Amino acid sequence: VGPETETFAHLLTRIPVELGAQVVLVEHDLDLVSEVCGEVAVLDFGHL
């Protein structure tokens, strides 16, 4: 919650920059998704 999520979000954005790895994030927290994900894919009943 709150500042904890912000701390975690900051780490997620550092991974591609500092470690050179891509992150694929499955997440229900749309605020977190909006903050860290440049793009998003939406699935519904197995379809894009």
ModelCIF file with pLDDT and N, C-alpha, C, O atoms, coordinates in Angstrom:
data_MODEL
#
_entry.id   MODEL 
#
_entity.id                         1 
_entity.type                       polymer 
_entity.pdbx_number_of_molecules   1 
#
_entity_poly.entity_id                      1 
_entity_poly.type                           'polypeptide(L)' 
_entity_poly.nstd_linkage                   no 
_entity_poly.nstd_monomer                   no 
_entity_poly.pdbx_seq_one_letter_code       VGPETETFAHLLTRIPVELGAQVVLVEHDLDLVSEVCGEVAVLDFGHL 
_entity_poly.pdbx_seq_one_letter_code_can   VGPETETFAHLLTRIPVELGAQVVLVEHDLDLVSEVCGEVAVLDFGHL 
_entity_poly.pdbx_strand_id                 A 
#
loop_
_entity_poly_seq.entity_id 
_entity_poly_seq.num 
_entity_poly_seq.mon_id 
_entity_poly_seq.hetero 
1 1  VAL n 
1 2  GLY n 
1 3  PRO n 
1 4  GLU n 
1 5  THR n 
1 6  GLU n 
1 7  THR n 
1 8  PHE n 
1 9  ALA n 
1 10 HIS n 
1 11 LEU n 
1 12 LEU n 
1 13 THR n 
1 14 ARG n 
1 15 ILE n 
1 16 PRO n 
1 17 VAL n 
1 18 GLU n 
1 19 LEU n 
1 20 GLY n 
1 21 ALA n 
1 22 GLN n 
1 23 VAL n 
1 24 VAL n 
1 25 LEU n 
1 26 VAL n 
1 27 GLU n 
1 28 HIS n 
1 29 ASP n 
1 30 LEU n 
1 31 ASP n 
1 32 LEU n 
1 33 VAL n 
1 34 SER n 
1 35 GLU n 
1 36 VAL n 
1 37 CYS n 
1 38 GLY n 
1 39 GLU n 
1 40 VAL n 
1 41 ALA n 
1 42 VAL n 
1 43 LEU n 
1 44 ASP n 
1 45 PHE n 
1 46 GLY n 
1 47 HIS n 
1 48 LEU n 
#
_struct_asym.id          A 
_struct_asym.entity_id   1 
#
loop_
_ma_qa_metric.id 
_ma_qa_metric.mode 
_ma_qa_metric.name 
_ma_qa_metric.software_group_id 
_ma_qa_metric.type 
1 global pLDDT . pLDDT 
2 local  pLDDT . pLDDT 
#
_ma_qa_metric_global.metric_id      1 
_ma_qa_metric_global.metric_value   94.77 
_ma_qa_metric_global.model_id       1 
_ma_qa_metric_global.ordinal_id     1 
#
loop_
_ma_qa_metric_local.label_asym_id 
_ma_qa_metric_local.label_comp_id 
_ma_qa_metric_local.label_seq_id 
_ma_qa_metric_local.metric_id 
_ma_qa_metric_local.metric_value 
_ma_qa_metric_local.model_id 
_ma_qa_metric_local.ordinal_id 
A VAL 1  2 89.00 1 1  
A GLY 2  2 90.00 1 2  
A PRO 3  2 93.00 1 3  
A GLU 4  2 94.00 1 4  
A THR 5  2 94.00 1 5  
A GLU 6  2 94.00 1 6  
A THR 7  2 94.00 1 7  
A PHE 8  2 95.00 1 8  
A ALA 9  2 95.00 1 9  
A HIS 10 2 96.00 1 10 
A LEU 11 2 96.00 1 11 
A LEU 12 2 96.00 1 12 
A THR 13 2 96.00 1 13 
A ARG 14 2 97.00 1 14 
A ILE 15 2 97.00 1 15 
A PRO 16 2 97.00 1 16 
A VAL 17 2 97.00 1 17 
A GLU 18 2 96.00 1 18 
A LEU 19 2 96.00 1 19 
A GLY 20 2 96.00 1 20 
A ALA 21 2 97.00 1 21 
A GLN 22 2 98.00 1 22 
A VAL 23 2 98.00 1 23 
A VAL 24 2 98.00 1 24 
A LEU 25 2 97.00 1 25 
A VAL 26 2 96.00 1 26 
A GLU 27 2 92.00 1 27 
A HIS 28 2 89.00 1 28 
A ASP 29 2 91.00 1 29 
A LEU 30 2 90.00 1 30 
A ASP 31 2 91.00 1 31 
A LEU 32 2 94.00 1 32 
A VAL 33 2 95.00 1 33 
A SER 34 2 94.00 1 34 
A GLU 35 2 95.00 1 35 
A VAL 36 2 97.00 1 36 
A CYS 37 2 97.00 1 37 
A GLY 38 2 96.00 1 38 
A GLU 39 2 97.00 1 39 
A VAL 40 2 97.00 1 40 
A ALA 41 2 97.00 1 41 
A VAL 42 2 96.00 1 42 
A LEU 43 2 95.00 1 43 
A ASP 44 2 92.00 1 44 
A PHE 45 2 90.00 1 45 
A GLY 46 2 92.00 1 46 
A HIS 47 2 94.00 1 47 
A LEU 48 2 96.00 1 48 
#
loop_
_atom_site.group_PDB 
_atom_site.id 
_atom_site.type_symbol 
_atom_site.label_atom_id 
_atom_site.label_alt_id 
_atom_site.label_comp_id 
_atom_site.label_asym_id 
_atom_site.label_entity_id 
_atom_site.label_seq_id 
_atom_site.pdbx_PDB_ins_code 
_atom_site.Cartn_x 
_atom_site.Cartn_y 
_atom_site.Cartn_z 
_atom_site.occupancy 
_atom_site.B_iso_or_equiv 
_atom_site.pdbx_formal_charge 
_atom_site.auth_seq_id 
_atom_site.auth_comp_id 
_atom_site.auth_asym_id 
_atom_site.auth_atom_id 
_atom_site.pdbx_PDB_model_num 
ATOM 1   N N  . VAL A 1 1  ? 0.846   -1.200  0.000   1.00 89.00 ? 1  VAL A N  1 
ATOM 2   C CA . VAL A 1 1  ? 0.000   0.000   0.000   1.00 89.00 ? 1  VAL A CA 1 
ATOM 3   C C  . VAL A 1 1  ? 0.876   1.242   0.000   1.00 89.00 ? 1  VAL A C  1 
ATOM 4   O O  . VAL A 1 1  ? 2.001   1.224   0.499   1.00 89.00 ? 1  VAL A O  1 
ATOM 5   N N  . GLY A 1 2  ? 0.344   2.323   -0.568  1.00 90.00 ? 2  GLY A N  1 
ATOM 6   C CA . GLY A 1 2  ? 0.952   3.645   -0.475  1.00 90.00 ? 2  GLY A CA 1 
ATOM 7   C C  . GLY A 1 2  ? 2.422   3.685   -0.806  1.00 90.00 ? 2  GLY A C  1 
ATOM 8   O O  . GLY A 1 2  ? 2.822   3.270   -1.894  1.00 90.00 ? 2  GLY A O  1 
ATOM 9   N N  . PRO A 1 3  ? 3.254   4.183   0.127   1.00 93.00 ? 3  PRO A N  1 
ATOM 10  C CA . PRO A 1 3  ? 4.694   4.315   -0.126  1.00 93.00 ? 3  PRO A CA 1 
ATOM 11  C C  . PRO A 1 3  ? 5.370   2.991   -0.468  1.00 93.00 ? 3  PRO A C  1 
ATOM 12  O O  . PRO A 1 3  ? 6.360   2.974   -1.199  1.00 93.00 ? 3  PRO A O  1 
ATOM 13  N N  . GLU A 1 4  ? 4.844   1.879   0.054   1.00 94.00 ? 4  GLU A N  1 
ATOM 14  C CA . GLU A 1 4  ? 5.418   0.575   -0.278  1.00 94.00 ? 4  GLU A CA 1 
ATOM 15  C C  . GLU A 1 4  ? 5.306   0.299   -1.770  1.00 94.00 ? 4  GLU A C  1 
ATOM 16  O O  . GLU A 1 4  ? 6.255   -0.170  -2.398  1.00 94.00 ? 4  GLU A O  1 
ATOM 17  N N  . THR A 1 5  ? 4.140   0.594   -2.332  1.00 94.00 ? 5  THR A N  1 
ATOM 18  C CA . THR A 1 5  ? 3.936   0.387   -3.761  1.00 94.00 ? 5  THR A CA 1 
ATOM 19  C C  . THR A 1 5  ? 4.848   1.291   -4.565  1.00 94.00 ? 5  THR A C  1 
ATOM 20  O O  . THR A 1 5  ? 5.373   0.880   -5.600  1.00 94.00 ? 5  THR A O  1 
ATOM 21  N N  . GLU A 1 6  ? 5.044   2.518   -4.106  1.00 94.00 ? 6  GLU A N  1 
ATOM 22  C CA . GLU A 1 6  ? 5.927   3.454   -4.799  1.00 94.00 ? 6  GLU A CA 1 
ATOM 23  C C  . GLU A 1 6  ? 7.370   2.940   -4.802  1.00 94.00 ? 6  GLU A C  1 
ATOM 24  O O  . GLU A 1 6  ? 8.062   3.025   -5.816  1.00 94.00 ? 6  GLU A O  1 
ATOM 25  N N  . THR A 1 7  ? 7.811   2.412   -3.673  1.00 94.00 ? 7  THR A N  1 
ATOM 26  C CA . THR A 1 7  ? 9.151   1.844   -3.596  1.00 94.00 ? 7  THR A CA 1 
ATOM 27  C C  . THR A 1 7  ? 9.306   0.703   -4.594  1.00 94.00 ? 7  THR A C  1 
ATOM 28  O O  . THR A 1 7  ? 10.316  0.609   -5.292  1.00 94.00 ? 7  THR A O  1 
ATOM 29  N N  . PHE A 1 8  ? 8.309   -0.154  -4.655  1.00 95.00 ? 8  PHE A N  1 
ATOM 30  C CA . PHE A 1 8  ? 8.364   -1.297  -5.557  1.00 95.00 ? 8  PHE A CA 1 
ATOM 31  C C  . PHE A 1 8  ? 8.316   -0.846  -7.015  1.00 95.00 ? 8  PHE A C  1 
ATOM 32  O O  . PHE A 1 8  ? 9.030   -1.385  -7.861  1.00 95.00 ? 8  PHE A O  1 
ATOM 33  N N  . ALA A 1 9  ? 7.480   0.134   -7.301  1.00 95.00 ? 9  ALA A N  1 
ATOM 34  C CA . ALA A 1 9  ? 7.380   0.652   -8.668  1.00 95.00 ? 9  ALA A CA 1 
ATOM 35  C C  . ALA A 1 9  ? 8.724   1.204   -9.144  1.00 95.00 ? 9  ALA A C  1 
ATOM 36  O O  . ALA A 1 9  ? 9.123   0.985   -10.288 1.00 95.00 ? 9  ALA A O  1 
ATOM 37  N N  . HIS A 1 10 ? 9.407   1.910   -8.270  1.00 96.00 ? 10 HIS A N  1 
ATOM 38  C CA . HIS A 1 10 ? 10.709  2.474   -8.636  1.00 96.00 ? 10 HIS A CA 1 
ATOM 39  C C  . HIS A 1 10 ? 11.697  1.374   -9.000  1.00 96.00 ? 10 HIS A C  1 
ATOM 40  O O  . HIS A 1 10 ? 12.474  1.519   -9.944  1.00 96.00 ? 10 HIS A O  1 
ATOM 41  N N  . LEU A 1 11 ? 11.668  0.284   -8.258  1.00 96.00 ? 11 LEU A N  1 
ATOM 42  C CA . LEU A 1 11 ? 12.562  -0.828  -8.556  1.00 96.00 ? 11 LEU A CA 1 
ATOM 43  C C  . LEU A 1 11 ? 12.232  -1.461  -9.908  1.00 96.00 ? 11 LEU A C  1 
ATOM 44  O O  . LEU A 1 11 ? 13.135  -1.819  -10.665 1.00 96.00 ? 11 LEU A O  1 
ATOM 45  N N  . LEU A 1 12 ? 10.961  -1.597  -10.205 1.00 96.00 ? 12 LEU A N  1 
ATOM 46  C CA . LEU A 1 12 ? 10.565  -2.189  -11.489 1.00 96.00 ? 12 LEU A CA 1 
ATOM 47  C C  . LEU A 1 12 ? 11.108  -1.378  -12.659 1.00 96.00 ? 12 LEU A C  1 
ATOM 48  O O  . LEU A 1 12 ? 11.578  -1.945  -13.646 1.00 96.00 ? 12 LEU A O  1 
ATOM 49  N N  . THR A 1 13 ? 11.045  -0.064  -12.553 1.00 96.00 ? 13 THR A N  1 
ATOM 50  C CA . THR A 1 13 ? 11.521  0.768   -13.652 1.00 96.00 ? 13 THR A CA 1 
ATOM 51  C C  . THR A 1 13 ? 13.040  0.736   -13.772 1.00 96.00 ? 13 THR A C  1 
ATOM 52  O O  . THR A 1 13 ? 13.576  1.016   -14.843 1.00 96.00 ? 13 THR A O  1 
ATOM 53  N N  . ARG A 1 14 ? 13.742  0.400   -12.690 1.00 97.00 ? 14 ARG A N  1 
ATOM 54  C CA . ARG A 1 14 ? 15.205  0.312   -12.729 1.00 97.00 ? 14 ARG A CA 1 
ATOM 55  C C  . ARG A 1 14 ? 15.695  -0.952  -13.412 1.00 97.00 ? 14 ARG A C  1 
ATOM 56  O O  . ARG A 1 14 ? 16.806  -0.970  -13.940 1.00 97.00 ? 14 ARG A O  1 
ATOM 57  N N  . ILE A 1 15 ? 14.898  -2.005  -13.416 1.00 97.00 ? 15 ILE A N  1 
ATOM 58  C CA . ILE A 1 15 ? 15.359  -3.294  -13.922 1.00 97.00 ? 15 ILE A CA 1 
ATOM 59  C C  . ILE A 1 15 ? 15.786  -3.212  -15.389 1.00 97.00 ? 15 ILE A C  1 
ATOM 60  O O  . ILE A 1 15 ? 16.889  -3.654  -15.709 1.00 97.00 ? 15 ILE A O  1 
ATOM 61  N N  . PRO A 1 16 ? 14.963  -2.664  -16.303 1.00 97.00 ? 16 PRO A N  1 
ATOM 62  C CA . PRO A 1 16 ? 15.422  -2.584  -17.694 1.00 97.00 ? 16 PRO A CA 1 
ATOM 63  C C  . PRO A 1 16 ? 16.622  -1.660  -17.863 1.00 97.00 ? 16 PRO A C  1 
ATOM 64  O O  . PRO A 1 16 ? 17.513  -1.936  -18.666 1.00 97.00 ? 16 PRO A O  1 
ATOM 65  N N  . VAL A 1 17 ? 16.646  -0.576  -17.117 1.00 97.00 ? 17 VAL A N  1 
ATOM 66  C CA . VAL A 1 17 ? 17.702  0.424   -17.279 1.00 97.00 ? 17 VAL A CA 1 
ATOM 67  C C  . VAL A 1 17 ? 19.041  -0.083  -16.752 1.00 97.00 ? 17 VAL A C  1 
ATOM 68  O O  . VAL A 1 17 ? 20.068  0.060   -17.416 1.00 97.00 ? 17 VAL A O  1 
ATOM 69  N N  . GLU A 1 18 ? 19.029  -0.675  -15.561 1.00 96.00 ? 18 GLU A N  1 
ATOM 70  C CA . GLU A 1 18 ? 20.286  -1.035  -14.899 1.00 96.00 ? 18 GLU A CA 1 
ATOM 71  C C  . GLU A 1 18 ? 20.689  -2.493  -15.097 1.00 96.00 ? 18 GLU A C  1 
ATOM 72  O O  . GLU A 1 18 ? 21.874  -2.822  -15.042 1.00 96.00 ? 18 GLU A O  1 
ATOM 73  N N  . LEU A 1 19 ? 19.718  -3.362  -15.327 1.00 96.00 ? 19 LEU A N  1 
ATOM 74  C CA . LEU A 1 19 ? 20.024  -4.784  -15.490 1.00 96.00 ? 19 LEU A CA 1 
ATOM 75  C C  . LEU A 1 19 ? 19.869  -5.249  -16.927 1.00 96.00 ? 19 LEU A C  1 
ATOM 76  O O  . LEU A 1 19 ? 20.316  -6.341  -17.280 1.00 96.00 ? 19 LEU A O  1 
ATOM 77  N N  . GLY A 1 20 ? 19.234  -4.423  -17.765 1.00 96.00 ? 20 GLY A N  1 
ATOM 78  C CA . GLY A 1 20 ? 19.058  -4.778  -19.160 1.00 96.00 ? 20 GLY A CA 1 
ATOM 79  C C  . GLY A 1 20 ? 18.041  -5.864  -19.409 1.00 96.00 ? 20 GLY A C  1 
ATOM 80  O O  . GLY A 1 20 ? 18.063  -6.500  -20.463 1.00 96.00 ? 20 GLY A O  1 
ATOM 81  N N  . ALA A 1 21 ? 17.149  -6.091  -18.462 1.00 97.00 ? 21 ALA A N  1 
ATOM 82  C CA . ALA A 1 21 ? 16.139  -7.144  -18.595 1.00 97.00 ? 21 ALA A CA 1 
ATOM 83  C C  . ALA A 1 21 ? 14.768  -6.531  -18.867 1.00 97.00 ? 21 ALA A C  1 
ATOM 84  O O  . ALA A 1 21 ? 14.434  -5.468  -18.343 1.00 97.00 ? 21 ALA A O  1 
ATOM 85  N N  . GLN A 1 22 ? 13.987  -7.212  -19.689 1.00 98.00 ? 22 GLN A N  1 
ATOM 86  C CA . GLN A 1 22 ? 12.608  -6.797  -19.900 1.00 98.00 ? 22 GLN A CA 1 
ATOM 87  C C  . GLN A 1 22 ? 11.729  -7.363  -18.788 1.00 98.00 ? 22 GLN A C  1 
ATOM 88  O O  . GLN A 1 22 ? 11.943  -8.485  -18.330 1.00 98.00 ? 22 GLN A O  1 
ATOM 89  N N  . VAL A 1 23 ? 10.752  -6.589  -18.364 1.00 98.00 ? 23 VAL A N  1 
ATOM 90  C CA . VAL A 1 23 ? 9.804   -7.020  -17.335 1.00 98.00 ? 23 VAL A CA 1 
ATOM 91  C C  . VAL A 1 23 ? 8.429   -7.183  -17.971 1.00 98.00 ? 23 VAL A C  1 
ATOM 92  O O  . VAL A 1 23 ? 7.948   -6.288  -18.666 1.00 98.00 ? 23 VAL A O  1 
ATOM 93  N N  . VAL A 1 24 ? 7.806   -8.320  -17.731 1.00 98.00 ? 24 VAL A N  1 
ATOM 94  C CA . VAL A 1 24 ? 6.409   -8.529  -18.101 1.00 98.00 ? 24 VAL A CA 1 
ATOM 95  C C  . VAL A 1 24 ? 5.619   -8.582  -16.808 1.00 98.00 ? 24 VAL A C  1 
ATOM 96  O O  . VAL A 1 24 ? 5.815   -9.476  -15.983 1.00 98.00 ? 24 VAL A O  1 
ATOM 97  N N  . LEU A 1 25 ? 4.725   -7.619  -16.636 1.00 97.00 ? 25 LEU A N  1 
ATOM 98  C CA . LEU A 1 25 ? 4.034   -7.423  -15.361 1.00 97.00 ? 25 LEU A CA 1 
ATOM 99  C C  . LEU A 1 25 ? 2.555   -7.760  -15.481 1.00 97.00 ? 25 LEU A C  1 
ATOM 100 O O  . LEU A 1 25 ? 1.811   -7.078  -16.187 1.00 97.00 ? 25 LEU A O  1 
ATOM 101 N N  . VAL A 1 26 ? 2.134   -8.807  -14.795 1.00 96.00 ? 26 VAL A N  1 
ATOM 102 C CA . VAL A 1 26 ? 0.714   -9.102  -14.621 1.00 96.00 ? 26 VAL A CA 1 
ATOM 103 C C  . VAL A 1 26 ? 0.291   -8.472  -13.299 1.00 96.00 ? 26 VAL A C  1 
ATOM 104 O O  . VAL A 1 26 ? 0.842   -8.801  -12.248 1.00 96.00 ? 26 VAL A O  1 
ATOM 105 N N  . GLU A 1 27 ? -0.682  -7.570  -13.348 1.00 92.00 ? 27 GLU A N  1 
ATOM 106 C CA . GLU A 1 27 ? -1.004  -6.805  -12.146 1.00 92.00 ? 27 GLU A CA 1 
ATOM 107 C C  . GLU A 1 27 ? -2.435  -6.288  -12.218 1.00 92.00 ? 27 GLU A C  1 
ATOM 108 O O  . GLU A 1 27 ? -2.909  -5.880  -13.279 1.00 92.00 ? 27 GLU A O  1 
ATOM 109 N N  . HIS A 1 28 ? -3.126  -6.310  -11.056 1.00 89.00 ? 28 HIS A N  1 
ATOM 110 C CA . HIS A 1 28 ? -4.482  -5.775  -10.975 1.00 89.00 ? 28 HIS A CA 1 
ATOM 111 C C  . HIS A 1 28 ? -4.503  -4.306  -10.557 1.00 89.00 ? 28 HIS A C  1 
ATOM 112 O O  . HIS A 1 28 ? -5.513  -3.626  -10.739 1.00 89.00 ? 28 HIS A O  1 
ATOM 113 N N  . ASP A 1 29 ? -3.416  -3.818  -10.008 1.00 91.00 ? 29 ASP A N  1 
ATOM 114 C CA . ASP A 1 29 ? -3.340  -2.432  -9.562  1.00 91.00 ? 29 ASP A CA 1 
ATOM 115 C C  . ASP A 1 29 ? -3.087  -1.544  -10.781 1.00 91.00 ? 29 ASP A C  1 
ATOM 116 O O  . ASP A 1 29 ? -1.952  -1.419  -11.240 1.00 91.00 ? 29 ASP A O  1 
ATOM 117 N N  . LEU A 1 30 ? -4.151  -0.932  -11.299 1.00 90.00 ? 30 LEU A N  1 
ATOM 118 C CA . LEU A 1 30 ? -4.021  -0.143  -12.519 1.00 90.00 ? 30 LEU A CA 1 
ATOM 119 C C  . LEU A 1 30 ? -3.201  1.123   -12.308 1.00 90.00 ? 30 LEU A C  1 
ATOM 120 O O  . LEU A 1 30 ? -2.602  1.629   -13.257 1.00 90.00 ? 30 LEU A O  1 
ATOM 121 N N  . ASP A 1 31 ? -3.160  1.642   -11.093 1.00 91.00 ? 31 ASP A N  1 
ATOM 122 C CA . ASP A 1 31 ? -2.295  2.796   -10.828 1.00 91.00 ? 31 ASP A CA 1 
ATOM 123 C C  . ASP A 1 31 ? -0.830  2.405   -11.012 1.00 91.00 ? 31 ASP A C  1 
ATOM 124 O O  . ASP A 1 31 ? -0.052  3.157   -11.599 1.00 91.00 ? 31 ASP A O  1 
ATOM 125 N N  . LEU A 1 32 ? -0.459  1.233   -10.513 1.00 94.00 ? 32 LEU A N  1 
ATOM 126 C CA . LEU A 1 32 ? 0.905   0.752   -10.684 1.00 94.00 ? 32 LEU A CA 1 
ATOM 127 C C  . LEU A 1 32 ? 1.196   0.484   -12.157 1.00 94.00 ? 32 LEU A C  1 
ATOM 128 O O  . LEU A 1 32 ? 2.261   0.847   -12.655 1.00 94.00 ? 32 LEU A O  1 
ATOM 129 N N  . VAL A 1 33 ? 0.262   -0.145  -12.854 1.00 95.00 ? 33 VAL A N  1 
ATOM 130 C CA . VAL A 1 33 ? 0.432   -0.424  -14.283 1.00 95.00 ? 33 VAL A CA 1 
ATOM 131 C C  . VAL A 1 33 ? 0.624   0.877   -15.054 1.00 95.00 ? 33 VAL A C  1 
ATOM 132 O O  . VAL A 1 33 ? 1.508   0.973   -15.906 1.00 95.00 ? 33 VAL A O  1 
ATOM 133 N N  . SER A 1 34 ? -0.199  1.871   -14.759 1.00 94.00 ? 34 SER A N  1 
ATOM 134 C CA . SER A 1 34 ? -0.094  3.158   -15.457 1.00 94.00 ? 34 SER A CA 1 
ATOM 135 C C  . SER A 1 34 ? 1.236   3.844   -15.187 1.00 94.00 ? 34 SER A C  1 
ATOM 136 O O  . SER A 1 34 ? 1.760   4.554   -16.045 1.00 94.00 ? 34 SER A O  1 
ATOM 137 N N  . GLU A 1 35 ? 1.783   3.631   -13.989 1.00 95.00 ? 35 GLU A N  1 
ATOM 138 C CA . GLU A 1 35 ? 3.029   4.307   -13.616 1.00 95.00 ? 35 GLU A CA 1 
ATOM 139 C C  . GLU A 1 35 ? 4.255   3.677   -14.261 1.00 95.00 ? 35 GLU A C  1 
ATOM 140 O O  . GLU A 1 35 ? 5.178   4.389   -14.658 1.00 95.00 ? 35 GLU A O  1 
ATOM 141 N N  . VAL A 1 36 ? 4.277   2.351   -14.371 1.00 97.00 ? 36 VAL A N  1 
ATOM 142 C CA . VAL A 1 36 ? 5.530   1.696   -14.774 1.00 97.00 ? 36 VAL A CA 1 
ATOM 143 C C  . VAL A 1 36 ? 5.508   1.074   -16.164 1.00 97.00 ? 36 VAL A C  1 
ATOM 144 O O  . VAL A 1 36 ? 6.568   0.805   -16.729 1.00 97.00 ? 36 VAL A O  1 
ATOM 145 N N  . CYS A 1 37 ? 4.327   0.840   -16.726 1.00 97.00 ? 37 CYS A N  1 
ATOM 146 C CA . CYS A 1 37 ? 4.229   0.115   -17.998 1.00 97.00 ? 37 CYS A CA 1 
ATOM 147 C C  . CYS A 1 37 ? 4.068   1.082   -19.167 1.00 97.00 ? 37 CYS A C  1 
ATOM 148 O O  . CYS A 1 37 ? 3.079   1.809   -19.249 1.00 97.00 ? 37 CYS A O  1 
ATOM 149 N N  . GLY A 1 38 ? 5.041   1.083   -20.064 1.00 96.00 ? 38 GLY A N  1 
ATOM 150 C CA . GLY A 1 38 ? 4.911   1.918   -21.251 1.00 96.00 ? 38 GLY A CA 1 
ATOM 151 C C  . GLY A 1 38 ? 3.816   1.432   -22.173 1.00 96.00 ? 38 GLY A C  1 
ATOM 152 O O  . GLY A 1 38 ? 3.130   2.230   -22.812 1.00 96.00 ? 38 GLY A O  1 
ATOM 153 N N  . GLU A 1 39 ? 3.650   0.108   -22.242 1.00 97.00 ? 39 GLU A N  1 
ATOM 154 C CA . GLU A 1 39 ? 2.602   -0.487  -23.061 1.00 97.00 ? 39 GLU A CA 1 
ATOM 155 C C  . GLU A 1 39 ? 1.920   -1.581  -22.265 1.00 97.00 ? 39 GLU A C  1 
ATOM 156 O O  . GLU A 1 39 ? 2.453   -2.078  -21.272 1.00 97.00 ? 39 GLU A O  1 
ATOM 157 N N  . VAL A 1 40 ? 0.728   -1.946  -22.721 1.00 97.00 ? 40 VAL A N  1 
ATOM 158 C CA . VAL A 1 40 ? -0.046  -2.954  -22.013 1.00 97.00 ? 40 VAL A CA 1 
ATOM 159 C C  . VAL A 1 40 ? -0.824  -3.788  -23.015 1.00 97.00 ? 40 VAL A C  1 
ATOM 160 O O  . VAL A 1 40 ? -1.283  -3.284  -24.041 1.00 97.00 ? 40 VAL A O  1 
ATOM 161 N N  . ALA A 1 41 ? -0.966  -5.070  -22.704 1.00 97.00 ? 41 ALA A N  1 
ATOM 162 C CA . ALA A 1 41 ? -1.837  -5.971  -23.463 1.00 97.00 ? 41 ALA A CA 1 
ATOM 163 C C  . ALA A 1 41 ? -2.989  -6.380  -22.551 1.00 97.00 ? 41 ALA A C  1 
ATOM 164 O O  . ALA A 1 41 ? -2.775  -6.735  -21.392 1.00 97.00 ? 41 ALA A O  1 
ATOM 165 N N  . VAL A 1 42 ? -4.201  -6.331  -23.073 1.00 96.00 ? 42 VAL A N  1 
ATOM 166 C CA . VAL A 1 42 ? -5.391  -6.663  -22.299 1.00 96.00 ? 42 VAL A CA 1 
ATOM 167 C C  . VAL A 1 42 ? -5.955  -7.983  -22.802 1.00 96.00 ? 42 VAL A C  1 
ATOM 168 O O  . VAL A 1 42 ? -6.281  -8.121  -23.981 1.00 96.00 ? 42 VAL A O  1 
ATOM 169 N N  . LEU A 1 43 ? -6.068  -8.958  -21.893 1.00 95.00 ? 43 LEU A N  1 
ATOM 170 C CA . LEU A 1 43 ? -6.653  -10.249 -22.231 1.00 95.00 ? 43 LEU A CA 1 
ATOM 171 C C  . LEU A 1 43 ? -8.063  -10.340 -21.670 1.00 95.00 ? 43 LEU A C  1 
ATOM 172 O O  . LEU A 1 43 ? -8.373  -9.776  -20.620 1.00 95.00 ? 43 LEU A O  1 
ATOM 173 N N  . ASP A 1 44 ? -8.896  -11.052 -22.383 1.00 92.00 ? 44 ASP A N  1 
ATOM 174 C CA . ASP A 1 44 ? -10.268 -11.287 -21.925 1.00 92.00 ? 44 ASP A CA 1 
ATOM 175 C C  . ASP A 1 44 ? -10.715 -12.640 -22.457 1.00 92.00 ? 44 ASP A C  1 
ATOM 176 O O  . ASP A 1 44 ? -10.840 -12.832 -23.666 1.00 92.00 ? 44 ASP A O  1 
ATOM 177 N N  . PHE A 1 45 ? -10.955 -13.581 -21.540 1.00 90.00 ? 45 PHE A N  1 
ATOM 178 C CA . PHE A 1 45 ? -11.356 -14.946 -21.915 1.00 90.00 ? 45 PHE A CA 1 
ATOM 179 C C  . PHE A 1 45 ? -10.412 -15.553 -22.947 1.00 90.00 ? 45 PHE A C  1 
ATOM 180 O O  . PHE A 1 45 ? -10.850 -16.187 -23.907 1.00 90.00 ? 45 PHE A O  1 
ATOM 181 N N  . GLY A 1 46 ? -9.116  -15.352 -22.741 1.00 92.00 ? 46 GLY A N  1 
ATOM 182 C CA . GLY A 1 46 ? -8.121  -15.994 -23.577 1.00 92.00 ? 46 GLY A CA 1 
ATOM 183 C C  . GLY A 1 46 ? -7.821  -15.321 -24.888 1.00 92.00 ? 46 GLY A C  1 
ATOM 184 O O  . GLY A 1 46 ? -6.997  -15.810 -25.660 1.00 92.00 ? 46 GLY A O  1 
ATOM 185 N N  . HIS A 1 47 ? -8.472  -14.209 -25.157 1.00 94.00 ? 47 HIS A N  1 
ATOM 186 C CA . HIS A 1 47 ? -8.253  -13.475 -26.402 1.00 94.00 ? 47 HIS A CA 1 
ATOM 187 C C  . HIS A 1 47 ? -7.618  -12.121 -26.108 1.00 94.00 ? 47 HIS A C  1 
ATOM 188 O O  . HIS A 1 47 ? -7.749  -11.584 -25.008 1.00 94.00 ? 47 HIS A O  1 
ATOM 189 N N  . LEU A 1 48 ? -6.932  -11.581 -27.105 1.00 96.00 ? 48 LEU A N  1 
ATOM 190 C CA . LEU A 1 48 ? -6.374  -10.241 -26.981 1.00 96.00 ? 48 LEU A CA 1 
ATOM 191 C C  . LEU A 1 48 ? -7.472  -9.231  -27.242 1.00 96.00 ? 48 LEU A C  1 
ATOM 192 O O  . LEU A 1 48 ? -7.227  -8.025  -27.190 1.00 96.00 ? 48 LEU A O  1 
#
